[in-house]
Amino acid sequence: MPDTSPEYYAHYGRMSTGNHALLVKLGKRIQTLRNKKGWTQTDMAAYLDMNRGHISDIERGKREVGIITLQIIARGLDTTMANLMKGL
């Protein structure tokens, strides 16, 4: 997902408010797990070989997460994709 505001997608029917809320919840869960490991976004980015800005966007619900990226994040945070998504 490009660096475009959720309002743009909601306006054009590509991202509903409900979908955005899901992304925000997932992002907060990822941020919580990252903080429990004592990592900064920079630490996590280096460990996962990802861009820090991409992690920031995911944690703020500004970017959709592909399944491969979600798997990489889950493994890096010592959890599973199922646990990341549970209850959202």
N, C-alpha and C. Protein backbone atom coordinates (compact mmCIF):
# COMPACT_ATOMS: atom_id res chain seq x y z
N MET A 1 0.85 -1.17 0.00
CA MET A 1 0.00 0.00 0.00
C MET A 1 0.89 1.23 0.00
N PRO A 2 0.68 2.13 -0.91
CA PRO A 2 1.51 3.33 -0.93
C PRO A 2 1.27 4.21 0.29
N ASP A 3 2.14 5.17 0.47
CA ASP A 3 2.01 6.09 1.61
C ASP A 3 0.90 7.09 1.34
N THR A 4 -0.31 6.60 1.42
CA THR A 4 -1.51 7.41 1.18
C THR A 4 -2.40 7.30 2.40
N SER A 5 -3.04 8.38 2.74
CA SER A 5 -3.86 8.39 3.95
C SER A 5 -5.05 7.44 3.82
N PRO A 6 -5.47 6.86 4.95
CA PRO A 6 -6.64 5.98 4.94
C PRO A 6 -7.90 6.69 4.46
N GLU A 7 -7.96 8.00 4.69
CA GLU A 7 -9.12 8.76 4.26
C GLU A 7 -9.28 8.68 2.73
N TYR A 8 -8.17 8.67 2.02
CA TYR A 8 -8.21 8.56 0.56
C TYR A 8 -8.91 7.27 0.17
N TYR A 9 -8.49 6.16 0.79
CA TYR A 9 -9.06 4.87 0.45
C TYR A 9 -10.51 4.75 0.89
N ALA A 10 -10.84 5.28 2.04
CA ALA A 10 -12.22 5.25 2.51
C ALA A 10 -13.10 6.02 1.54
N HIS A 11 -12.61 7.17 1.07
CA HIS A 11 -13.37 8.00 0.15
C HIS A 11 -13.63 7.27 -1.16
N TYR A 12 -12.65 6.53 -1.64
CA TYR A 12 -12.78 5.83 -2.91
C TYR A 12 -13.24 4.39 -2.75
N GLY A 13 -13.62 4.02 -1.54
CA GLY A 13 -14.17 2.70 -1.32
C GLY A 13 -13.16 1.57 -1.31
N ARG A 14 -11.90 1.88 -1.26
CA ARG A 14 -10.87 0.84 -1.28
C ARG A 14 -10.49 0.37 0.11
N MET A 15 -10.67 1.20 1.11
CA MET A 15 -10.37 0.80 2.49
C MET A 15 -11.47 1.36 3.37
N SER A 16 -12.20 0.45 3.98
CA SER A 16 -13.28 0.90 4.85
C SER A 16 -12.73 1.30 6.21
N THR A 17 -13.53 2.01 6.95
CA THR A 17 -13.14 2.40 8.30
C THR A 17 -12.88 1.16 9.16
N GLY A 18 -13.67 0.12 8.95
CA GLY A 18 -13.48 -1.13 9.69
C GLY A 18 -12.15 -1.77 9.39
N ASN A 19 -11.75 -1.75 8.12
CA ASN A 19 -10.45 -2.31 7.75
C ASN A 19 -9.33 -1.50 8.37
N HIS A 20 -9.49 -0.19 8.38
CA HIS A 20 -8.46 0.66 8.98
C HIS A 20 -8.35 0.38 10.47
N ALA A 21 -9.48 0.19 11.15
CA ALA A 21 -9.46 -0.12 12.58
C ALA A 21 -8.72 -1.43 12.83
N LEU A 22 -8.90 -2.40 11.96
CA LEU A 22 -8.19 -3.67 12.08
C LEU A 22 -6.68 -3.46 11.95
N LEU A 23 -6.27 -2.64 10.99
CA LEU A 23 -4.85 -2.36 10.81
C LEU A 23 -4.26 -1.66 12.03
N VAL A 24 -5.02 -0.75 12.61
CA VAL A 24 -4.55 -0.03 13.80
C VAL A 24 -4.38 -1.01 14.97
N LYS A 25 -5.35 -1.90 15.16
CA LYS A 25 -5.26 -2.89 16.25
C LYS A 25 -4.06 -3.81 16.05
N LEU A 26 -3.87 -4.28 14.83
CA LEU A 26 -2.73 -5.14 14.54
C LEU A 26 -1.43 -4.39 14.78
N GLY A 27 -1.37 -3.15 14.34
CA GLY A 27 -0.17 -2.34 14.54
C GLY A 27 0.16 -2.14 16.01
N LYS A 28 -0.86 -1.89 16.81
CA LYS A 28 -0.64 -1.72 18.26
C LYS A 28 -0.14 -3.01 18.90
N ARG A 29 -0.67 -4.14 18.43
CA ARG A 29 -0.21 -5.43 18.96
C ARG A 29 1.26 -5.66 18.60
N ILE A 30 1.63 -5.35 17.38
CA ILE A 30 3.03 -5.50 16.96
C ILE A 30 3.91 -4.57 17.78
N GLN A 31 3.47 -3.35 17.98
CA GLN A 31 4.25 -2.37 18.77
C GLN A 31 4.42 -2.86 20.21
N THR A 32 3.37 -3.40 20.80
CA THR A 32 3.44 -3.91 22.17
C THR A 32 4.45 -5.05 22.27
N LEU A 33 4.41 -5.98 21.34
CA LEU A 33 5.35 -7.10 21.36
C LEU A 33 6.78 -6.62 21.13
N ARG A 34 6.95 -5.65 20.26
CA ARG A 34 8.28 -5.08 20.01
C ARG A 34 8.81 -4.44 21.29
N ASN A 35 7.97 -3.68 21.96
CA ASN A 35 8.39 -3.02 23.20
C ASN A 35 8.73 -4.03 24.29
N LYS A 36 7.99 -5.15 24.35
CA LYS A 36 8.28 -6.19 25.33
C LYS A 36 9.67 -6.79 25.12
N LYS A 37 10.12 -6.80 23.87
CA LYS A 37 11.46 -7.30 23.57
C LYS A 37 12.53 -6.24 23.86
N GLY A 38 12.08 -5.02 24.17
CA GLY A 38 13.01 -3.94 24.44
C GLY A 38 13.61 -3.34 23.19
N TRP A 39 12.95 -3.54 22.06
CA TRP A 39 13.44 -3.06 20.77
C TRP A 39 12.86 -1.70 20.43
N THR A 40 13.68 -0.89 19.80
CA THR A 40 13.18 0.29 19.11
C THR A 40 12.73 -0.17 17.72
N GLN A 41 12.08 0.71 16.99
CA GLN A 41 11.74 0.38 15.60
C GLN A 41 13.00 0.14 14.79
N THR A 42 14.05 0.88 15.09
CA THR A 42 15.32 0.71 14.38
C THR A 42 15.92 -0.66 14.67
N ASP A 43 15.85 -1.10 15.93
CA ASP A 43 16.35 -2.43 16.30
C ASP A 43 15.58 -3.51 15.53
N MET A 44 14.26 -3.38 15.53
CA MET A 44 13.42 -4.37 14.86
C MET A 44 13.70 -4.39 13.36
N ALA A 45 13.83 -3.21 12.78
CA ALA A 45 14.11 -3.11 11.35
C ALA A 45 15.43 -3.80 11.00
N ALA A 46 16.43 -3.59 11.81
CA ALA A 46 17.73 -4.21 11.55
C ALA A 46 17.64 -5.73 11.69
N TYR A 47 16.96 -6.20 12.72
CA TYR A 47 16.83 -7.63 12.96
C TYR A 47 16.06 -8.32 11.84
N LEU A 48 15.00 -7.67 11.35
CA LEU A 48 14.14 -8.26 10.33
C LEU A 48 14.55 -7.91 8.91
N ASP A 49 15.58 -7.05 8.77
CA ASP A 49 16.01 -6.56 7.46
C ASP A 49 14.85 -5.87 6.73
N MET A 50 14.20 -4.98 7.48
CA MET A 50 13.10 -4.19 6.93
C MET A 50 13.42 -2.71 7.10
N ASN A 51 12.67 -1.88 6.42
CA ASN A 51 12.81 -0.44 6.54
C ASN A 51 12.11 0.03 7.81
N ARG A 52 12.75 0.89 8.61
CA ARG A 52 12.15 1.40 9.83
C ARG A 52 10.85 2.13 9.55
N GLY A 53 10.80 2.90 8.49
CA GLY A 53 9.58 3.63 8.14
C GLY A 53 8.42 2.69 7.83
N HIS A 54 8.73 1.56 7.23
CA HIS A 54 7.69 0.56 6.94
C HIS A 54 7.11 0.02 8.25
N ILE A 55 7.98 -0.28 9.20
CA ILE A 55 7.52 -0.76 10.51
C ILE A 55 6.68 0.31 11.20
N SER A 56 7.12 1.55 11.13
CA SER A 56 6.36 2.65 11.72
C SER A 56 4.97 2.74 11.11
N ASP A 57 4.89 2.65 9.78
CA ASP A 57 3.59 2.72 9.10
C ASP A 57 2.68 1.56 9.51
N ILE A 58 3.26 0.37 9.64
CA ILE A 58 2.47 -0.80 10.05
C ILE A 58 1.94 -0.59 11.47
N GLU A 59 2.81 -0.15 12.37
CA GLU A 59 2.39 0.04 13.76
C GLU A 59 1.33 1.12 13.91
N ARG A 60 1.31 2.09 13.01
CA ARG A 60 0.30 3.15 13.09
C ARG A 60 -0.94 2.84 12.25
N GLY A 61 -0.99 1.66 11.62
CA GLY A 61 -2.14 1.29 10.82
C GLY A 61 -2.22 2.02 9.51
N LYS A 62 -1.11 2.52 9.03
CA LYS A 62 -1.08 3.31 7.80
C LYS A 62 -0.75 2.46 6.58
N ARG A 63 -0.39 1.21 6.80
CA ARG A 63 0.04 0.36 5.70
C ARG A 63 -0.51 -1.04 5.89
N GLU A 64 -1.03 -1.61 4.83
CA GLU A 64 -1.49 -2.99 4.89
C GLU A 64 -0.28 -3.90 4.96
N VAL A 65 -0.44 -5.04 5.61
CA VAL A 65 0.67 -5.96 5.80
C VAL A 65 0.40 -7.21 4.97
N GLY A 66 1.33 -7.52 4.08
CA GLY A 66 1.22 -8.75 3.30
C GLY A 66 1.50 -9.96 4.17
N ILE A 67 1.09 -11.11 3.69
CA ILE A 67 1.21 -12.33 4.48
C ILE A 67 2.68 -12.69 4.74
N ILE A 68 3.55 -12.47 3.78
CA ILE A 68 4.97 -12.79 3.97
C ILE A 68 5.56 -11.86 5.02
N THR A 69 5.24 -10.57 4.93
CA THR A 69 5.75 -9.60 5.90
C THR A 69 5.22 -9.92 7.29
N LEU A 70 3.96 -10.30 7.38
CA LEU A 70 3.38 -10.66 8.67
C LEU A 70 4.10 -11.87 9.27
N GLN A 71 4.44 -12.84 8.43
CA GLN A 71 5.16 -14.02 8.90
C GLN A 71 6.55 -13.64 9.41
N ILE A 72 7.24 -12.78 8.69
CA ILE A 72 8.57 -12.32 9.10
C ILE A 72 8.49 -11.60 10.45
N ILE A 73 7.50 -10.72 10.58
CA ILE A 73 7.33 -9.97 11.84
C ILE A 73 7.01 -10.93 12.98
N ALA A 74 6.10 -11.86 12.75
CA ALA A 74 5.71 -12.81 13.80
C ALA A 74 6.92 -13.61 14.28
N ARG A 75 7.70 -14.13 13.36
CA ARG A 75 8.88 -14.91 13.74
C ARG A 75 9.89 -14.05 14.50
N GLY A 76 10.07 -12.83 14.04
CA GLY A 76 11.01 -11.93 14.71
C GLY A 76 10.58 -11.59 16.13
N LEU A 77 9.27 -11.58 16.35
CA LEU A 77 8.74 -11.26 17.67
C LEU A 77 8.47 -12.51 18.51
N ASP A 78 8.96 -13.65 18.03
CA ASP A 78 8.82 -14.93 18.74
C ASP A 78 7.37 -15.30 19.00
N THR A 79 6.54 -15.10 17.98
CA THR A 79 5.14 -15.48 18.08
C THR A 79 4.70 -16.07 16.75
N THR A 80 3.42 -16.30 16.59
CA THR A 80 2.88 -16.83 15.34
C THR A 80 1.96 -15.80 14.71
N MET A 81 1.68 -16.02 13.43
CA MET A 81 0.71 -15.14 12.77
C MET A 81 -0.65 -15.27 13.44
N ALA A 82 -1.00 -16.47 13.86
CA ALA A 82 -2.29 -16.69 14.52
C ALA A 82 -2.38 -15.85 15.80
N ASN A 83 -1.30 -15.82 16.58
CA ASN A 83 -1.33 -15.03 17.81
C ASN A 83 -1.38 -13.53 17.51
N LEU A 84 -0.75 -13.10 16.43
CA LEU A 84 -0.83 -11.68 16.07
C LEU A 84 -2.26 -11.29 15.71
N MET A 85 -2.97 -12.20 15.05
CA MET A 85 -4.30 -11.88 14.55
C MET A 85 -5.42 -12.24 15.52
N LYS A 86 -5.10 -13.02 16.54
CA LYS A 86 -6.12 -13.53 17.46
C LYS A 86 -6.93 -12.40 18.11
N GLY A 87 -8.23 -12.51 17.99
CA GLY A 87 -9.12 -11.57 18.65
C GLY A 87 -9.27 -10.21 17.98
N LEU A 88 -8.66 -10.03 16.83
CA LEU A 88 -8.82 -8.74 16.16
C LEU A 88 -10.14 -8.77 15.47
